[in-house]
Amino acid sequence: MNFQTLSRRSLFLRENNMSEETKPARRQYRRTTERRQEILVAVVQLLSDPDSTGVTTKDIARYLGLADGALYRHFSGKAEILQELIGFCDDSFERMFDEINAEAEVTMVTRAMVKARALLLFAEANCGLTRLLTGEALSSEGQQVREAMLACLEKAEKALCSSLQLAVVQREVPNSEDPAVRARLIMSYVQGRWARFVASGFEEKPTADWPQAQAVLFGGLLAS
């Protein structure tokens, strides 16, 4: 799953859904939208540098060859840029989970496993975004940005919990199973793998040793 590919696709859809306007207005819309996308992609690329710990507006402007003030024509500040990227992560997770939930003849436990692995694969495909997901690039940001990331992670955990709850309802697993506790455990593992990925300079892949981890995280459920 690639950030730039998805961004261009969403940009294409937005342009095609526009109402009929004058050509100059359409060109201006495209220029503004494309510049916003360039800024977002630039931030992700900067955060993808193994030696990076965060970015400033000056870093972004320098990377794009723009004056510092040019960024403020498109975003109110770095916080808005980061919130949009967090929103992208949130939307991506939701799309991934919707696709998994739409699969027919798949047990709920299997869906939970696939969701967990999808979160790991997302990180592998999006190094810069993983630096956001771990919170490393947010240490100096305000409460609103950190709360947006926390909400994104909580939604991902709830998606895991939902599949596990349905597994109990459908008697795939014993009634003694606590879906919320299991989901927290799984999400803690996912976040730990994300953190190791960042700490290793993106060398230690999140999905490394997944078969063994899966056996521990979902221990007893597959054999039920």
C-alpha atoms as a PDB file:
ATOM      1  CA  MET A   1       0.000   0.000   0.000  1.00  0.00           C
ATOM      2  CA  ASN A   2       1.711   3.163  -1.178  1.00  0.00           C
ATOM      3  CA  PHE A   3       1.007   6.660   0.095  1.00  0.00           C
ATOM      4  CA  GLN A   4       1.762   8.438  -3.164  1.00  0.00           C
ATOM      5  CA  THR A   5      -0.359   6.083  -5.253  1.00  0.00           C
ATOM      6  CA  LEU A   6      -3.349   6.463  -2.968  1.00  0.00           C
ATOM      7  CA  SER A   7      -2.878  10.222  -2.826  1.00  0.00           C
ATOM      8  CA  ARG A   8      -2.921  10.554  -6.580  1.00  0.00           C
ATOM      9  CA  ARG A   9      -5.986   8.369  -6.801  1.00  0.00           C
ATOM     10  CA  SER A  10      -7.855  10.483  -4.258  1.00  0.00           C
ATOM     11  CA  LEU A  11      -6.737  13.609  -6.069  1.00  0.00           C
ATOM     12  CA  PHE A  12      -8.071  12.178  -9.326  1.00  0.00           C
ATOM     13  CA  LEU A  13     -11.431  11.415  -7.733  1.00  0.00           C
ATOM     14  CA  ARG A  14     -11.712  14.877  -6.229  1.00  0.00           C
ATOM     15  CA  GLU A  15     -11.069  16.507  -9.589  1.00  0.00           C
ATOM     16  CA  ASN A  16     -13.629  14.352 -11.359  1.00  0.00           C
ATOM     17  CA  ASN A  17     -16.275  15.123  -8.743  1.00  0.00           C
ATOM     18  CA  MET A  18     -15.951  18.882  -9.180  1.00  0.00           C
ATOM     19  CA  SER A  19     -18.886  20.847 -10.464  1.00  0.00           C
ATOM     20  CA  GLU A  20     -18.455  22.511 -13.866  1.00  0.00           C
ATOM     21  CA  GLU A  21     -16.381  25.643 -13.398  1.00  0.00           C
ATOM     22  CA  THR A  22     -14.457  28.072 -15.531  1.00  0.00           C
ATOM     23  CA  LYS A  23     -11.137  26.770 -16.824  1.00  0.00           C
ATOM     24  CA  PRO A  24      -9.045  29.272 -14.835  1.00  0.00           C
ATOM     25  CA  ALA A  25     -10.810  28.267 -11.625  1.00  0.00           C
ATOM     26  CA  ARG A  26     -10.279  24.579 -12.373  1.00  0.00           C
ATOM     27  CA  ARG A  27      -6.604  25.187 -13.063  1.00  0.00           C
ATOM     28  CA  GLN A  28      -6.260  27.092  -9.794  1.00  0.00           C
ATOM     29  CA  TYR A  29      -8.008  24.274  -7.918  1.00  0.00           C
ATOM     30  CA  ARG A  30      -5.608  21.735  -9.421  1.00  0.00           C
ATOM     31  CA  ARG A  31      -2.574  23.859  -8.600  1.00  0.00           C
ATOM     32  CA  THR A  32      -3.688  24.312  -4.996  1.00  0.00           C
ATOM     33  CA  THR A  33      -4.596  20.642  -4.530  1.00  0.00           C
ATOM     34  CA  GLU A  34      -1.428  19.421  -6.198  1.00  0.00           C
ATOM     35  CA  ARG A  35       0.715  21.700  -4.057  1.00  0.00           C
ATOM     36  CA  ARG A  36      -0.972  20.390  -0.893  1.00  0.00           C
ATOM     37  CA  GLN A  37      -0.256  16.855  -2.060  1.00  0.00           C
ATOM     38  CA  GLU A  38       3.367  17.757  -2.797  1.00  0.00           C
ATOM     39  CA  ILE A  39       3.745  19.120   0.721  1.00  0.00           C
ATOM     40  CA  LEU A  40       2.203  16.015   2.311  1.00  0.00           C
ATOM     41  CA  VAL A  41       4.350  13.656   0.246  1.00  0.00           C
ATOM     42  CA  ALA A  42       7.439  15.745   1.055  1.00  0.00           C
ATOM     43  CA  VAL A  43       6.804  15.356   4.787  1.00  0.00           C
ATOM     44  CA  VAL A  44       6.447  11.581   4.421  1.00  0.00           C
ATOM     45  CA  GLN A  45       9.659  11.402   2.399  1.00  0.00           C
ATOM     46  CA  LEU A  46      11.544  13.487   4.965  1.00  0.00           C
ATOM     47  CA  LEU A  47      10.295  11.252   7.772  1.00  0.00           C
ATOM     48  CA  SER A  48      11.362   8.192   5.756  1.00  0.00           C
ATOM     49  CA  ASP A  49      15.006   9.162   6.259  1.00  0.00           C
ATOM     50  CA  PRO A  50      16.369   6.659   8.818  1.00  0.00           C
ATOM     51  CA  ASP A  51      18.202   9.494  10.593  1.00  0.00           C
ATOM     52  CA  SER A  52      15.151  11.739  10.888  1.00  0.00           C
ATOM     53  CA  THR A  53      13.363  12.333  14.171  1.00  0.00           C
ATOM     54  CA  GLY A  54      10.898  14.936  12.913  1.00  0.00           C
ATOM     55  CA  VAL A  55      10.485  17.823  10.510  1.00  0.00           C
ATOM     56  CA  THR A  56      10.026  21.571  10.713  1.00  0.00           C
ATOM     57  CA  THR A  57       8.280  23.887   8.285  1.00  0.00           C
ATOM     58  CA  LYS A  58      11.737  25.114   7.255  1.00  0.00           C
ATOM     59  CA  ASP A  59      12.765  21.543   6.431  1.00  0.00           C
ATOM     60  CA  ILE A  60       9.660  21.094   4.285  1.00  0.00           C
ATOM     61  CA  ALA A  61      10.100  24.394   2.459  1.00  0.00           C
ATOM     62  CA  ARG A  62      13.787  23.702   1.818  1.00  0.00           C
ATOM     63  CA  TYR A  63      13.016  20.211   0.508  1.00  0.00           C
ATOM     64  CA  LEU A  64      10.468  21.620  -1.947  1.00  0.00           C
ATOM     65  CA  GLY A  65      12.549  24.656  -2.867  1.00  0.00           C
ATOM     66  CA  LEU A  66       9.920  27.061  -1.524  1.00  0.00           C
ATOM     67  CA  ALA A  67       9.985  30.117   0.692  1.00  0.00           C
ATOM     68  CA  ASP A  68       8.911  29.311   4.256  1.00  0.00           C
ATOM     69  CA  GLY A  69       5.804  31.456   3.918  1.00  0.00           C
ATOM     70  CA  ALA A  70       4.622  29.546   0.832  1.00  0.00           C
ATOM     71  CA  LEU A  71       3.531  26.617   2.998  1.00  0.00           C
ATOM     72  CA  TYR A  72       1.073  28.812   4.863  1.00  0.00           C
ATOM     73  CA  ARG A  73      -0.882  29.453   1.691  1.00  0.00           C
ATOM     74  CA  HIS A  74      -1.910  25.796   1.786  1.00  0.00           C
ATOM     75  CA  PHE A  75      -1.806  24.814   5.475  1.00  0.00           C
ATOM     76  CA  SER A  76      -2.227  26.822   8.654  1.00  0.00           C
ATOM     77  CA  GLY A  77       0.904  25.204  10.044  1.00  0.00           C
ATOM     78  CA  LYS A  78       2.734  21.938  10.620  1.00  0.00           C
ATOM     79  CA  ALA A  79      -0.002  20.704  12.960  1.00  0.00           C
ATOM     80  CA  GLU A  80      -2.552  20.743  10.139  1.00  0.00           C
ATOM     81  CA  ILE A  81      -0.127  18.883   7.859  1.00  0.00           C
ATOM     82  CA  LEU A  82       0.412  16.166  10.463  1.00  0.00           C
ATOM     83  CA  GLN A  83      -3.303  15.881  11.180  1.00  0.00           C
ATOM     84  CA  GLU A  84      -3.988  15.349   7.494  1.00  0.00           C
ATOM     85  CA  LEU A  85      -1.384  12.589   7.392  1.00  0.00           C
ATOM     86  CA  ILE A  86      -2.896  11.002  10.495  1.00  0.00           C
ATOM     87  CA  GLY A  87      -6.259  11.194   8.748  1.00  0.00           C
ATOM     88  CA  PHE A  88      -4.721   9.367   5.811  1.00  0.00           C
ATOM     89  CA  CYS A  89      -3.558   6.573   8.135  1.00  0.00           C
ATOM     90  CA  ASP A  90      -7.016   6.410   9.687  1.00  0.00           C
ATOM     91  CA  ASP A  91      -8.730   6.215   6.294  1.00  0.00           C
ATOM     92  CA  SER A  92      -6.251   3.602   5.078  1.00  0.00           C
ATOM     93  CA  PHE A  93      -6.857   1.383   8.096  1.00  0.00           C
ATOM     94  CA  GLU A  94     -10.605   1.676   7.616  1.00  0.00           C
ATOM     95  CA  ARG A  95     -10.339   0.691   3.945  1.00  0.00           C
ATOM     96  CA  MET A  96      -8.105  -2.257   4.780  1.00  0.00           C
ATOM     97  CA  PHE A  97     -10.460  -3.502   7.471  1.00  0.00           C
ATOM     98  CA  ASP A  98     -13.519  -3.059   5.249  1.00  0.00           C
ATOM     99  CA  GLU A  99     -11.865  -5.221   2.584  1.00  0.00           C
ATOM    100  CA  ILE A 100     -11.038  -7.880   5.158  1.00  0.00           C
ATOM    101  CA  ASN A 101     -14.564  -7.832   6.611  1.00  0.00           C
ATOM    102  CA  ALA A 102     -16.005  -8.233   3.116  1.00  0.00           C
ATOM    103  CA  GLU A 103     -14.215 -11.545   2.587  1.00  0.00           C
ATOM    104  CA  ALA A 104     -16.698 -14.403   2.539  1.00  0.00           C
ATOM    105  CA  GLU A 105     -16.242 -17.743   4.300  1.00  0.00           C
ATOM    106  CA  VAL A 106     -13.511 -16.440   6.590  1.00  0.00           C
ATOM    107  CA  THR A 107     -13.682 -17.012  10.338  1.00  0.00           C
ATOM    108  CA  MET A 108     -13.698 -14.046  12.684  1.00  0.00           C
ATOM    109  CA  VAL A 109     -10.451 -15.173  14.288  1.00  0.00           C
ATOM    110  CA  THR A 110      -8.822 -15.291  10.867  1.00  0.00           C
ATOM    111  CA  ARG A 111     -10.115 -11.794  10.141  1.00  0.00           C
ATOM    112  CA  ALA A 112      -8.527 -10.528  13.336  1.00  0.00           C
ATOM    113  CA  MET A 113      -5.230 -12.145  12.361  1.00  0.00           C
ATOM    114  CA  VAL A 114      -5.331 -10.658   8.875  1.00  0.00           C
ATOM    115  CA  LYS A 115      -6.120  -7.220  10.305  1.00  0.00           C
ATOM    116  CA  ALA A 116      -3.118  -7.405  12.618  1.00  0.00           C
ATOM    117  CA  ARG A 117      -0.826  -8.432   9.777  1.00  0.00           C
ATOM    118  CA  ALA A 118      -2.275  -5.674   7.564  1.00  0.00           C
ATOM    119  CA  LEU A 119      -1.241  -3.089  10.167  1.00  0.00           C
ATOM    120  CA  LEU A 120       2.301  -4.465  10.083  1.00  0.00           C
ATOM    121  CA  LEU A 121       2.397  -4.472   6.283  1.00  0.00           C
ATOM    122  CA  PHE A 122       1.111  -0.895   6.161  1.00  0.00           C
ATOM    123  CA  ALA A 123       4.115   0.161   8.220  1.00  0.00           C
ATOM    124  CA  GLU A 124       6.537  -1.688   5.942  1.00  0.00           C
ATOM    125  CA  ALA A 125       5.116   0.142   2.928  1.00  0.00           C
ATOM    126  CA  ASN A 126       5.044   3.565   4.622  1.00  0.00           C
ATOM    127  CA  CYS A 127       8.221   4.208   6.601  1.00  0.00           C
ATOM    128  CA  GLY A 128       7.586   7.916   7.098  1.00  0.00           C
ATOM    129  CA  LEU A 129       4.044   7.381   8.293  1.00  0.00           C
ATOM    130  CA  THR A 130       5.268   4.759  10.746  1.00  0.00           C
ATOM    131  CA  ARG A 131       7.381   7.427  12.402  1.00  0.00           C
ATOM    132  CA  LEU A 132       4.096   9.268  12.997  1.00  0.00           C
ATOM    133  CA  LEU A 133       2.271   6.142  14.175  1.00  0.00           C
ATOM    134  CA  THR A 134       4.912   5.488  16.834  1.00  0.00           C
ATOM    135  CA  GLY A 135       4.637   9.081  18.032  1.00  0.00           C
ATOM    136  CA  GLU A 136       8.354   9.728  17.545  1.00  0.00           C
ATOM    137  CA  ALA A 137       7.684  12.604  15.150  1.00  0.00           C
ATOM    138  CA  LEU A 138       4.984  14.036  17.427  1.00  0.00           C
ATOM    139  CA  SER A 139       6.974  14.571  20.627  1.00  0.00           C
ATOM    140  CA  SER A 140       7.042  18.351  20.191  1.00  0.00           C
ATOM    141  CA  GLU A 141       3.505  18.670  18.828  1.00  0.00           C
ATOM    142  CA  GLY A 142       0.425  19.984  20.592  1.00  0.00           C
ATOM    143  CA  GLN A 143      -2.249  17.985  22.342  1.00  0.00           C
ATOM    144  CA  GLN A 144      -4.667  18.105  19.391  1.00  0.00           C
ATOM    145  CA  VAL A 145      -2.225  16.314  17.090  1.00  0.00           C
ATOM    146  CA  ARG A 146      -1.358  13.686  19.692  1.00  0.00           C
ATOM    147  CA  GLU A 147      -5.040  13.093  20.433  1.00  0.00           C
ATOM    148  CA  ALA A 148      -5.728  12.597  16.720  1.00  0.00           C
ATOM    149  CA  MET A 149      -3.061   9.889  16.568  1.00  0.00           C
ATOM    150  CA  LEU A 150      -4.348   8.254  19.750  1.00  0.00           C
ATOM    151  CA  ALA A 151      -7.868   8.173  18.283  1.00  0.00           C
ATOM    152  CA  CYS A 152      -6.524   6.543  15.111  1.00  0.00           C
ATOM    153  CA  LEU A 153      -4.813   3.796  17.103  1.00  0.00           C
ATOM    154  CA  GLU A 154      -7.865   3.259  19.301  1.00  0.00           C
ATOM    155  CA  LYS A 155     -10.036   2.739  16.206  1.00  0.00           C
ATOM    156  CA  ALA A 156      -7.592   0.142  14.913  1.00  0.00           C
ATOM    157  CA  GLU A 157      -7.735  -1.687  18.245  1.00  0.00           C
ATOM    158  CA  LYS A 158     -11.540  -1.575  18.224  1.00  0.00           C
ATOM    159  CA  ALA A 159     -11.537  -3.144  14.760  1.00  0.00           C
ATOM    160  CA  LEU A 160      -9.496  -6.050  16.112  1.00  0.00           C
ATOM    161  CA  CYS A 161     -11.771  -6.306  19.138  1.00  0.00           C
ATOM    162  CA  SER A 162     -14.882  -6.330  16.954  1.00  0.00           C
ATOM    163  CA  SER A 163     -13.713  -9.411  15.044  1.00  0.00           C
ATOM    164  CA  LEU A 164     -12.814 -11.179  18.280  1.00  0.00           C
ATOM    165  CA  GLN A 165     -16.176 -10.306  19.845  1.00  0.00           C
ATOM    166  CA  LEU A 166     -17.952 -11.814  16.846  1.00  0.00           C
ATOM    167  CA  ALA A 167     -15.766 -14.900  17.215  1.00  0.00           C
ATOM    168  CA  VAL A 168     -17.200 -15.325  20.724  1.00  0.00           C
ATOM    169  CA  VAL A 169     -20.782 -14.670  19.571  1.00  0.00           C
ATOM    170  CA  GLN A 170     -20.425 -17.197  16.742  1.00  0.00           C
ATOM    171  CA  ARG A 171     -18.879 -19.723  19.132  1.00  0.00           C
ATOM    172  CA  GLU A 172     -15.582 -19.925  17.311  1.00  0.00           C
ATOM    173  CA  VAL A 173     -13.868 -19.410  20.665  1.00  0.00           C
ATOM    174  CA  PRO A 174     -14.899 -20.107  24.286  1.00  0.00           C
ATOM    175  CA  ASN A 175     -17.139 -17.669  26.148  1.00  0.00           C
ATOM    176  CA  SER A 176     -14.297 -17.220  28.629  1.00  0.00           C
ATOM    177  CA  GLU A 177     -12.296 -15.350  25.985  1.00  0.00           C
ATOM    178  CA  ASP A 178     -11.997 -11.596  26.671  1.00  0.00           C
ATOM    179  CA  PRO A 179     -11.871  -9.881  23.243  1.00  0.00           C
ATOM    180  CA  ALA A 180     -10.880  -6.483  24.657  1.00  0.00           C
ATOM    181  CA  VAL A 181      -7.870  -7.872  26.521  1.00  0.00           C
ATOM    182  CA  ARG A 182      -6.776  -9.920  23.515  1.00  0.00           C
ATOM    183  CA  ALA A 183      -7.150  -6.912  21.186  1.00  0.00           C
ATOM    184  CA  ARG A 184      -5.021  -4.764  23.521  1.00  0.00           C
ATOM    185  CA  LEU A 185      -2.348  -7.450  23.556  1.00  0.00           C
ATOM    186  CA  ILE A 186      -2.327  -7.685  19.764  1.00  0.00           C
ATOM    187  CA  MET A 187      -2.237  -3.915  19.310  1.00  0.00           C
ATOM    188  CA  SER A 188       0.612  -3.645  21.815  1.00  0.00           C
ATOM    189  CA  TYR A 189       2.567  -6.150  19.739  1.00  0.00           C
ATOM    190  CA  VAL A 190       1.835  -4.234  16.527  1.00  0.00           C
ATOM    191  CA  GLN A 191       2.953  -0.941  18.058  1.00  0.00           C
ATOM    192  CA  GLY A 192       6.069  -2.622  19.430  1.00  0.00           C
ATOM    193  CA  ARG A 193       6.987  -3.907  15.975  1.00  0.00           C
ATOM    194  CA  TRP A 194       6.401  -0.450  14.518  1.00  0.00           C
ATOM    195  CA  ALA A 195       8.743   1.007  17.151  1.00  0.00           C
ATOM    196  CA  ARG A 196      11.471  -1.556  16.421  1.00  0.00           C
ATOM    197  CA  PHE A 197      11.100  -0.830  12.697  1.00  0.00           C
ATOM    198  CA  VAL A 198      11.753   2.870  13.302  1.00  0.00           C
ATOM    199  CA  ALA A 199      14.533   2.278  15.848  1.00  0.00           C
ATOM    200  CA  SER A 200      16.358  -0.045  13.426  1.00  0.00           C
ATOM    201  CA  GLY A 201      16.417   2.588  10.694  1.00  0.00           C
ATOM    202  CA  PHE A 202      13.646   0.689   8.898  1.00  0.00           C
ATOM    203  CA  GLU A 203      15.773  -2.452   8.634  1.00  0.00           C
ATOM    204  CA  GLU A 204      13.854  -4.770  10.989  1.00  0.00           C
ATOM    205  CA  LYS A 205      10.620  -5.493   9.144  1.00  0.00           C
ATOM    206  CA  PRO A 206       7.433  -5.490  11.246  1.00  0.00           C
ATOM    207  CA  THR A 207       6.296  -8.800   9.732  1.00  0.00           C
ATOM    208  CA  ALA A 208       9.533 -10.587  10.641  1.00  0.00           C
ATOM    209  CA  ASP A 209       8.716 -13.664  12.742  1.00  0.00           C
ATOM    210  CA  TRP A 210       4.989 -13.129  12.192  1.00  0.00           C
ATOM    211  CA  PRO A 211       4.120 -16.871  12.079  1.00  0.00           C
ATOM    212  CA  GLN A 212       5.648 -17.350  15.536  1.00  0.00           C
ATOM    213  CA  ALA A 213       4.068 -14.161  16.884  1.00  0.00           C
ATOM    214  CA  GLN A 214       0.694 -15.132  15.457  1.00  0.00           C
ATOM    215  CA  ALA A 215       0.855 -18.470  17.270  1.00  0.00           C
ATOM    216  CA  VAL A 216       1.424 -16.663  20.580  1.00  0.00           C
ATOM    217  CA  LEU A 217      -1.014 -13.774  20.075  1.00  0.00           C
ATOM    218  CA  PHE A 218      -3.840 -16.035  18.947  1.00  0.00           C
ATOM    219  CA  GLY A 219      -2.803 -19.017  21.049  1.00  0.00           C
ATOM    220  CA  GLY A 220      -5.675 -21.404  21.717  1.00  0.00           C
ATOM    221  CA  LEU A 221      -8.096 -19.638  19.392  1.00  0.00           C
ATOM    222  CA  LEU A 222      -7.325 -21.444  16.152  1.00  0.00           C
ATOM    223  CA  ALA A 223      -7.663 -24.853  17.732  1.00  0.00           C
ATOM    224  CA  SER A 224     -10.989 -23.991  19.396  1.00  0.00           C
END
